[in-house]
Amino acid sequence: MVQDEPKGEVVAVGGASREKKANIFTRFIVFIRQVFAELRKVVTPTRKELLKFTGVVLGFVIVMMAVVYGLDILFSWLTTVVFGIPGA
């Protein structure tokens, strides 16, 4: 049911019937093997790349905060114009 590929990847063999399902422990072992196979593919960024990515994310968050703040001010002004100031 399970076959190890030459690159260390674990894949299910095609053509297995639906009734012949592996037990829960075998499926769990296959899942853990696949997790480790994927983790071997992860590339850790260098310090320079990490700082650049962090700067991009923080810049995007600041821009989005400015957009939301601007829309909040716009809608506050719009509702004041449409409905007036209560009590005045």
N, C-alpha and C. Protein backbone atom coordinates (compact mmCIF):
# COMPACT_ATOMS: atom_id res chain seq x y z
N MET A 1 0.82 -1.20 0.00
CA MET A 1 0.00 0.00 0.00
C MET A 1 0.85 1.25 0.00
N VAL A 2 2.01 1.22 0.68
CA VAL A 2 2.88 2.38 0.77
C VAL A 2 4.20 2.04 0.09
N GLN A 3 4.73 3.00 -0.63
CA GLN A 3 5.97 2.78 -1.35
C GLN A 3 6.89 3.96 -1.11
N ASP A 4 8.16 3.67 -0.82
CA ASP A 4 9.16 4.73 -0.66
C ASP A 4 9.71 5.08 -2.03
N GLU A 5 9.69 6.36 -2.33
CA GLU A 5 10.23 6.84 -3.59
C GLU A 5 11.75 6.97 -3.46
N PRO A 6 12.46 7.05 -4.58
CA PRO A 6 13.92 7.18 -4.53
C PRO A 6 14.39 8.44 -3.79
N LYS A 7 13.61 9.50 -3.82
CA LYS A 7 14.01 10.74 -3.16
C LYS A 7 13.64 10.75 -1.69
N GLY A 8 13.14 9.67 -1.15
CA GLY A 8 12.77 9.63 0.25
C GLY A 8 11.33 9.99 0.53
N GLU A 9 10.56 10.23 -0.52
CA GLU A 9 9.16 10.58 -0.34
C GLU A 9 8.33 9.32 -0.17
N VAL A 10 7.31 9.40 0.63
CA VAL A 10 6.42 8.27 0.85
C VAL A 10 5.11 8.55 0.13
N VAL A 11 4.72 7.65 -0.74
CA VAL A 11 3.49 7.84 -1.50
C VAL A 11 2.65 6.57 -1.43
N ALA A 12 1.35 6.74 -1.61
CA ALA A 12 0.45 5.58 -1.66
C ALA A 12 0.51 4.98 -3.05
N VAL A 13 0.51 3.67 -3.12
CA VAL A 13 0.56 2.98 -4.40
C VAL A 13 -0.83 3.04 -5.01
N GLY A 14 -0.89 3.40 -6.28
CA GLY A 14 -2.18 3.51 -6.96
C GLY A 14 -2.78 2.14 -7.21
N GLY A 15 -4.08 2.10 -7.35
CA GLY A 15 -4.75 0.85 -7.68
C GLY A 15 -5.21 0.07 -6.47
N ALA A 16 -5.02 0.59 -5.27
CA ALA A 16 -5.49 -0.12 -4.08
C ALA A 16 -7.01 0.01 -4.02
N SER A 17 -7.66 -1.08 -3.68
CA SER A 17 -9.12 -1.03 -3.61
C SER A 17 -9.57 -0.27 -2.37
N ARG A 18 -10.79 0.24 -2.43
CA ARG A 18 -11.33 1.02 -1.31
C ARG A 18 -11.52 0.17 -0.06
N GLU A 19 -11.87 -1.11 -0.23
CA GLU A 19 -12.12 -1.96 0.92
C GLU A 19 -10.83 -2.26 1.68
N LYS A 20 -9.71 -2.32 0.98
CA LYS A 20 -8.44 -2.63 1.63
C LYS A 20 -7.80 -1.36 2.15
N LYS A 21 -8.33 -0.82 3.21
CA LYS A 21 -7.80 0.40 3.80
C LYS A 21 -6.87 0.00 4.93
N ALA A 22 -5.72 0.66 5.01
CA ALA A 22 -4.76 0.33 6.07
C ALA A 22 -5.34 0.74 7.42
N ASN A 23 -4.86 0.09 8.46
CA ASN A 23 -5.37 0.43 9.78
C ASN A 23 -4.88 1.82 10.19
N ILE A 24 -5.40 2.31 11.29
CA ILE A 24 -5.14 3.68 11.71
C ILE A 24 -3.67 3.91 12.03
N PHE A 25 -3.01 2.89 12.58
CA PHE A 25 -1.60 3.04 12.95
C PHE A 25 -0.71 3.15 11.72
N THR A 26 -1.01 2.37 10.70
CA THR A 26 -0.24 2.43 9.46
C THR A 26 -0.42 3.78 8.79
N ARG A 27 -1.66 4.26 8.76
CA ARG A 27 -1.91 5.58 8.16
C ARG A 27 -1.21 6.68 8.94
N PHE A 28 -1.17 6.56 10.28
CA PHE A 28 -0.49 7.55 11.09
C PHE A 28 1.02 7.54 10.82
N ILE A 29 1.61 6.36 10.69
CA ILE A 29 3.04 6.25 10.38
C ILE A 29 3.34 6.86 9.02
N VAL A 30 2.48 6.60 8.04
CA VAL A 30 2.66 7.18 6.70
C VAL A 30 2.58 8.70 6.78
N PHE A 31 1.62 9.21 7.55
CA PHE A 31 1.48 10.65 7.71
C PHE A 31 2.75 11.26 8.31
N ILE A 32 3.27 10.65 9.37
CA ILE A 32 4.49 11.16 10.03
C ILE A 32 5.67 11.13 9.06
N ARG A 33 5.79 10.05 8.28
CA ARG A 33 6.88 9.98 7.29
C ARG A 33 6.76 11.09 6.26
N GLN A 34 5.53 11.37 5.81
CA GLN A 34 5.33 12.43 4.83
C GLN A 34 5.63 13.79 5.42
N VAL A 35 5.30 13.99 6.70
CA VAL A 35 5.62 15.25 7.36
C VAL A 35 7.13 15.46 7.39
N PHE A 36 7.88 14.43 7.78
CA PHE A 36 9.33 14.56 7.83
C PHE A 36 9.92 14.75 6.43
N ALA A 37 9.34 14.10 5.42
CA ALA A 37 9.82 14.29 4.05
C ALA A 37 9.61 15.73 3.60
N GLU A 38 8.48 16.33 3.96
CA GLU A 38 8.23 17.73 3.61
C GLU A 38 9.14 18.67 4.39
N LEU A 39 9.40 18.35 5.65
CA LEU A 39 10.27 19.21 6.46
C LEU A 39 11.71 19.21 5.95
N ARG A 40 12.13 18.12 5.31
CA ARG A 40 13.47 18.09 4.73
C ARG A 40 13.60 19.07 3.56
N LYS A 41 12.48 19.44 2.94
CA LYS A 41 12.49 20.35 1.80
C LYS A 41 12.52 21.82 2.22
N VAL A 42 12.29 22.10 3.50
CA VAL A 42 12.21 23.48 3.96
C VAL A 42 13.60 24.12 3.91
N VAL A 43 13.66 25.34 3.37
CA VAL A 43 14.92 26.09 3.29
C VAL A 43 14.84 27.25 4.26
N THR A 44 15.80 27.34 5.17
CA THR A 44 15.83 28.42 6.14
C THR A 44 16.39 29.67 5.48
N PRO A 45 15.71 30.81 5.61
CA PRO A 45 16.22 32.03 4.98
C PRO A 45 17.46 32.56 5.71
N THR A 46 18.28 33.29 4.96
CA THR A 46 19.44 33.92 5.57
C THR A 46 18.98 35.11 6.40
N ARG A 47 19.89 35.67 7.20
CA ARG A 47 19.53 36.82 8.03
C ARG A 47 19.09 38.00 7.16
N LYS A 48 19.78 38.21 6.05
CA LYS A 48 19.44 39.32 5.16
C LYS A 48 18.04 39.14 4.57
N GLU A 49 17.73 37.91 4.12
CA GLU A 49 16.40 37.63 3.57
C GLU A 49 15.33 37.78 4.64
N LEU A 50 15.62 37.31 5.85
CA LEU A 50 14.66 37.39 6.94
C LEU A 50 14.33 38.84 7.28
N LEU A 51 15.35 39.70 7.32
CA LEU A 51 15.11 41.12 7.60
C LEU A 51 14.31 41.78 6.48
N LYS A 52 14.61 41.39 5.24
CA LYS A 52 13.87 41.95 4.10
C LYS A 52 12.41 41.52 4.15
N PHE A 53 12.16 40.24 4.39
CA PHE A 53 10.77 39.75 4.46
C PHE A 53 10.02 40.41 5.62
N THR A 54 10.69 40.58 6.75
CA THR A 54 10.05 41.22 7.90
C THR A 54 9.70 42.66 7.57
N GLY A 55 10.60 43.37 6.89
CA GLY A 55 10.32 44.75 6.49
C GLY A 55 9.14 44.85 5.54
N VAL A 56 9.06 43.91 4.61
CA VAL A 56 7.94 43.91 3.66
C VAL A 56 6.63 43.68 4.38
N VAL A 57 6.60 42.73 5.31
CA VAL A 57 5.37 42.44 6.05
C VAL A 57 4.96 43.63 6.90
N LEU A 58 5.91 44.23 7.63
CA LEU A 58 5.59 45.39 8.46
C LEU A 58 5.13 46.57 7.61
N GLY A 59 5.76 46.78 6.47
CA GLY A 59 5.33 47.84 5.56
C GLY A 59 3.91 47.62 5.06
N PHE A 60 3.60 46.39 4.70
CA PHE A 60 2.24 46.08 4.23
C PHE A 60 1.22 46.31 5.34
N VAL A 61 1.56 45.89 6.56
CA VAL A 61 0.63 46.08 7.69
C VAL A 61 0.40 47.56 7.94
N ILE A 62 1.44 48.37 7.87
CA ILE A 62 1.30 49.82 8.09
C ILE A 62 0.42 50.44 7.01
N VAL A 63 0.62 50.02 5.76
CA VAL A 63 -0.20 50.56 4.67
C VAL A 63 -1.66 50.17 4.86
N MET A 64 -1.91 48.92 5.22
CA MET A 64 -3.29 48.48 5.42
C MET A 64 -3.92 49.19 6.62
N MET A 65 -3.16 49.45 7.67
CA MET A 65 -3.69 50.21 8.81
C MET A 65 -4.08 51.62 8.37
N ALA A 66 -3.27 52.23 7.52
CA ALA A 66 -3.57 53.57 7.03
C ALA A 66 -4.84 53.56 6.17
N VAL A 67 -5.01 52.53 5.35
CA VAL A 67 -6.21 52.44 4.52
C VAL A 67 -7.45 52.29 5.39
N VAL A 68 -7.39 51.40 6.39
CA VAL A 68 -8.54 51.19 7.26
C VAL A 68 -8.83 52.45 8.07
N TYR A 69 -7.80 53.12 8.56
CA TYR A 69 -7.99 54.36 9.31
C TYR A 69 -8.63 55.43 8.41
N GLY A 70 -8.16 55.54 7.17
CA GLY A 70 -8.73 56.51 6.24
C GLY A 70 -10.19 56.21 5.94
N LEU A 71 -10.52 54.94 5.73
CA LEU A 71 -11.92 54.58 5.50
C LEU A 71 -12.78 54.86 6.73
N ASP A 72 -12.24 54.63 7.92
CA ASP A 72 -12.98 54.91 9.15
C ASP A 72 -13.28 56.40 9.27
N ILE A 73 -12.29 57.23 9.00
CA ILE A 73 -12.50 58.68 9.05
C ILE A 73 -13.52 59.11 8.00
N LEU A 74 -13.40 58.56 6.78
CA LEU A 74 -14.33 58.90 5.70
C LEU A 74 -15.76 58.52 6.06
N PHE A 75 -15.97 57.31 6.55
CA PHE A 75 -17.33 56.88 6.89
C PHE A 75 -17.87 57.63 8.10
N SER A 76 -17.01 57.99 9.04
CA SER A 76 -17.47 58.80 10.18
C SER A 76 -17.95 60.17 9.70
N TRP A 77 -17.18 60.78 8.83
CA TRP A 77 -17.57 62.09 8.28
C TRP A 77 -18.87 61.96 7.47
N LEU A 78 -18.96 60.89 6.67
CA LEU A 78 -20.13 60.68 5.83
C LEU A 78 -21.40 60.50 6.68
N THR A 79 -21.32 59.71 7.73
CA THR A 79 -22.50 59.52 8.57
C THR A 79 -22.87 60.79 9.32
N THR A 80 -21.89 61.60 9.68
CA THR A 80 -22.18 62.88 10.32
C THR A 80 -22.89 63.82 9.34
N VAL A 81 -22.46 63.82 8.08
CA VAL A 81 -23.09 64.66 7.08
C VAL A 81 -24.51 64.18 6.80
N VAL A 82 -24.71 62.88 6.66
CA VAL A 82 -26.01 62.35 6.30
C VAL A 82 -27.00 62.45 7.45
N PHE A 83 -26.61 62.05 8.64
CA PHE A 83 -27.54 61.98 9.76
C PHE A 83 -27.44 63.16 10.72
N GLY A 84 -26.42 63.99 10.58
CA GLY A 84 -26.24 65.14 11.46
C GLY A 84 -25.67 64.74 12.81
N ILE A 85 -25.37 65.74 13.60
CA ILE A 85 -24.82 65.50 14.94
C ILE A 85 -25.98 65.42 15.92
N PRO A 86 -26.09 64.32 16.67
CA PRO A 86 -27.23 64.20 17.60
C PRO A 86 -27.14 65.23 18.73
N GLY A 87 -28.26 65.81 19.06
CA GLY A 87 -28.31 66.78 20.14
C GLY A 87 -27.93 68.19 19.72
N ALA A 88 -27.63 68.43 18.46
CA ALA A 88 -27.24 69.77 18.04
C ALA A 88 -28.33 70.44 17.24
